[in-house]
């Protein structure tokens, strides 16, 4: 019947518009995710550099602008502070953890 054909034609047009909108949304979401990942990696690199070189990336109130600091024994203290990982840290591991400057994980490296 002609009425059913008109309805079907209208539904196909609406579905095509919905598909187009969904594709545009997915593309924008993917682009935003990539941009956020790039920003996050930049900040993580700055944090790594601050830990390795002792440079402070941001000026904090009350501290001289040129002052640099380090966080001594950061990873050893971090792993000792967490109950789940503290039991796995043996005395023989302390020297290695004390010298550790950076740990990085990039999703998908193990694929």
C-alpha atoms as a PDB file:
ATOM      1  CA  UNK A   1       0.000   0.000   0.000  1.00  0.00           C
ATOM      2  CA  UNK A   2       1.182   3.553  -0.729  1.00  0.00           C
ATOM      3  CA  UNK A   3       0.753   4.741   2.894  1.00  0.00           C
ATOM      4  CA  UNK A   4       2.990   1.955   4.197  1.00  0.00           C
ATOM      5  CA  UNK A   5       5.563   2.720   1.504  1.00  0.00           C
ATOM      6  CA  UNK A   6       5.608   6.414   2.514  1.00  0.00           C
ATOM      7  CA  UNK A   7       6.038   5.442   6.162  1.00  0.00           C
ATOM      8  CA  UNK A   8       8.829   3.018   5.276  1.00  0.00           C
ATOM      9  CA  UNK A   9      10.543   5.666   3.143  1.00  0.00           C
ATOM     10  CA  UNK A  10      10.288   8.198   5.997  1.00  0.00           C
ATOM     11  CA  UNK A  11      11.677   5.660   8.478  1.00  0.00           C
ATOM     12  CA  UNK A  12      14.614   4.896   6.177  1.00  0.00           C
ATOM     13  CA  UNK A  13      15.381   8.620   5.936  1.00  0.00           C
ATOM     14  CA  UNK A  14      15.212   9.030   9.705  1.00  0.00           C
ATOM     15  CA  UNK A  15      17.443   5.992  10.218  1.00  0.00           C
ATOM     16  CA  UNK A  16      20.003   7.379   7.782  1.00  0.00           C
ATOM     17  CA  UNK A  17      20.031  10.681   9.714  1.00  0.00           C
ATOM     18  CA  UNK A  18      20.375   8.790  13.018  1.00  0.00           C
ATOM     19  CA  UNK A  19      23.251   6.734  11.592  1.00  0.00           C
ATOM     20  CA  UNK A  20      24.972   9.900  10.385  1.00  0.00           C
ATOM     21  CA  UNK A  21      24.533  11.584  13.760  1.00  0.00           C
ATOM     22  CA  UNK A  22      25.844   8.498  15.562  1.00  0.00           C
ATOM     23  CA  UNK A  23      28.904   8.345  13.297  1.00  0.00           C
ATOM     24  CA  UNK A  24      29.620  12.044  13.867  1.00  0.00           C
ATOM     25  CA  UNK A  25      29.283  11.568  17.629  1.00  0.00           C
ATOM     26  CA  UNK A  26      31.660   8.585  17.600  1.00  0.00           C
ATOM     27  CA  UNK A  27      34.208  10.538  15.551  1.00  0.00           C
ATOM     28  CA  UNK A  28      34.012  13.527  17.920  1.00  0.00           C
ATOM     29  CA  UNK A  29      34.271  11.237  20.939  1.00  0.00           C
ATOM     30  CA  UNK A  30      37.322   9.503  19.459  1.00  0.00           C
ATOM     31  CA  UNK A  31      38.982  12.852  18.652  1.00  0.00           C
ATOM     32  CA  UNK A  32      38.292  14.156  22.173  1.00  0.00           C
ATOM     33  CA  UNK A  33      39.689  10.955  23.662  1.00  0.00           C
ATOM     34  CA  UNK A  34      42.871  11.251  21.596  1.00  0.00           C
ATOM     35  CA  UNK A  35      43.277  14.901  22.638  1.00  0.00           C
ATOM     36  CA  UNK A  36      42.761  14.027  26.311  1.00  0.00           C
ATOM     37  CA  UNK A  37      45.283  11.183  26.010  1.00  0.00           C
ATOM     38  CA  UNK A  38      47.836  13.552  24.491  1.00  0.00           C
ATOM     39  CA  UNK A  39      47.312  16.058  27.326  1.00  0.00           C
ATOM     40  CA  UNK A  40      47.560  13.295  29.916  1.00  0.00           C
ATOM     41  CA  UNK A  41      50.800  11.962  28.427  1.00  0.00           C
ATOM     42  CA  UNK A  42      52.261  15.466  28.405  1.00  0.00           C
ATOM     43  CA  UNK A  43      51.469  15.865  32.114  1.00  0.00           C
ATOM     44  CA  UNK A  44      52.803  12.386  32.889  1.00  0.00           C
ATOM     45  CA  UNK A  45      56.021  13.237  31.063  1.00  0.00           C
ATOM     46  CA  UNK A  46      56.312  16.440  33.114  1.00  0.00           C
ATOM     47  CA  UNK A  47      55.727  14.444  36.300  1.00  0.00           C
ATOM     48  CA  UNK A  48      58.374  11.906  35.268  1.00  0.00           C
ATOM     49  CA  UNK A  49      60.837  14.694  34.514  1.00  0.00           C
ATOM     50  CA  UNK A  50      60.125  16.268  37.896  1.00  0.00           C
ATOM     51  CA  UNK A  51      60.805  12.961  39.641  1.00  0.00           C
ATOM     52  CA  UNK A  52      63.943  12.194  37.657  1.00  0.00           C
ATOM     53  CA  UNK A  53      65.560  15.630  37.545  1.00  0.00           C
ATOM     54  CA  UNK A  54      64.040  17.127  40.662  1.00  0.00           C
ATOM     55  CA  UNK A  55      62.543  20.006  38.699  1.00  0.00           C
ATOM     56  CA  UNK A  56      59.231  21.249  39.949  1.00  0.00           C
ATOM     57  CA  UNK A  57      56.946  21.902  36.962  1.00  0.00           C
ATOM     58  CA  UNK A  58      54.674  24.365  38.763  1.00  0.00           C
ATOM     59  CA  UNK A  59      55.387  27.192  41.176  1.00  0.00           C
ATOM     60  CA  UNK A  60      53.780  26.651  44.567  1.00  0.00           C
ATOM     61  CA  UNK A  61      52.872  29.478  46.921  1.00  0.00           C
ATOM     62  CA  UNK A  62      55.328  30.080  49.694  1.00  0.00           C
ATOM     63  CA  UNK A  63      58.278  28.540  47.880  1.00  0.00           C
ATOM     64  CA  UNK A  64      60.985  30.341  45.933  1.00  0.00           C
ATOM     65  CA  UNK A  65      60.289  30.198  42.191  1.00  0.00           C
ATOM     66  CA  UNK A  66      63.682  28.707  41.320  1.00  0.00           C
ATOM     67  CA  UNK A  67      63.728  26.021  43.997  1.00  0.00           C
ATOM     68  CA  UNK A  68      63.817  22.430  42.868  1.00  0.00           C
ATOM     69  CA  UNK A  69      63.027  19.429  44.999  1.00  0.00           C
ATOM     70  CA  UNK A  70      63.063  15.681  44.659  1.00  0.00           C
ATOM     71  CA  UNK A  71      60.966  13.036  46.296  1.00  0.00           C
ATOM     72  CA  UNK A  72      63.485  10.657  47.826  1.00  0.00           C
ATOM     73  CA  UNK A  73      62.627   6.960  47.743  1.00  0.00           C
ATOM     74  CA  UNK A  74      59.276   7.705  46.086  1.00  0.00           C
ATOM     75  CA  UNK A  75      58.515   4.233  44.705  1.00  0.00           C
ATOM     76  CA  UNK A  76      59.809   2.403  47.754  1.00  0.00           C
ATOM     77  CA  UNK A  77      57.610   4.527  50.009  1.00  0.00           C
ATOM     78  CA  UNK A  78      54.606   4.258  47.689  1.00  0.00           C
ATOM     79  CA  UNK A  79      54.789   0.477  47.535  1.00  0.00           C
ATOM     80  CA  UNK A  80      55.388   0.198  51.282  1.00  0.00           C
ATOM     81  CA  UNK A  81      52.387   2.446  51.985  1.00  0.00           C
ATOM     82  CA  UNK A  82      49.942   0.157  50.180  1.00  0.00           C
ATOM     83  CA  UNK A  83      49.026  -2.937  52.194  1.00  0.00           C
ATOM     84  CA  UNK A  84      48.562  -5.062  49.072  1.00  0.00           C
ATOM     85  CA  UNK A  85      52.038  -4.323  47.726  1.00  0.00           C
ATOM     86  CA  UNK A  86      53.864  -3.910  51.053  1.00  0.00           C
ATOM     87  CA  UNK A  87      53.759  -7.645  51.724  1.00  0.00           C
ATOM     88  CA  UNK A  88      55.468  -8.300  48.384  1.00  0.00           C
ATOM     89  CA  UNK A  89      58.374  -5.914  49.021  1.00  0.00           C
ATOM     90  CA  UNK A  90      61.231  -7.929  50.483  1.00  0.00           C
ATOM     91  CA  UNK A  91      64.276  -6.344  52.142  1.00  0.00           C
ATOM     92  CA  UNK A  92      66.369  -7.373  49.121  1.00  0.00           C
ATOM     93  CA  UNK A  93      64.033  -5.292  46.885  1.00  0.00           C
ATOM     94  CA  UNK A  94      64.549  -2.052  48.803  1.00  0.00           C
ATOM     95  CA  UNK A  95      67.825  -1.093  47.116  1.00  0.00           C
ATOM     96  CA  UNK A  96      66.314  -1.520  43.663  1.00  0.00           C
ATOM     97  CA  UNK A  97      63.115   0.355  44.573  1.00  0.00           C
ATOM     98  CA  UNK A  98      65.144   3.144  46.155  1.00  0.00           C
ATOM     99  CA  UNK A  99      66.934   3.733  42.852  1.00  0.00           C
ATOM    100  CA  UNK A 100      63.847   3.429  40.652  1.00  0.00           C
ATOM    101  CA  UNK A 101      63.018   6.719  38.936  1.00  0.00           C
ATOM    102  CA  UNK A 102      60.106   5.951  36.646  1.00  0.00           C
ATOM    103  CA  UNK A 103      57.519   3.314  35.806  1.00  0.00           C
ATOM    104  CA  UNK A 104      55.493   3.630  32.619  1.00  0.00           C
ATOM    105  CA  UNK A 105      52.655   1.567  31.212  1.00  0.00           C
ATOM    106  CA  UNK A 106      51.360   2.161  27.738  1.00  0.00           C
ATOM    107  CA  UNK A 107      48.073   0.367  27.062  1.00  0.00           C
ATOM    108  CA  UNK A 108      48.404  -2.210  24.341  1.00  0.00           C
ATOM    109  CA  UNK A 109      52.161  -2.800  24.650  1.00  0.00           C
ATOM    110  CA  UNK A 110      51.562  -6.429  25.573  1.00  0.00           C
ATOM    111  CA  UNK A 111      49.290  -7.174  22.582  1.00  0.00           C
END
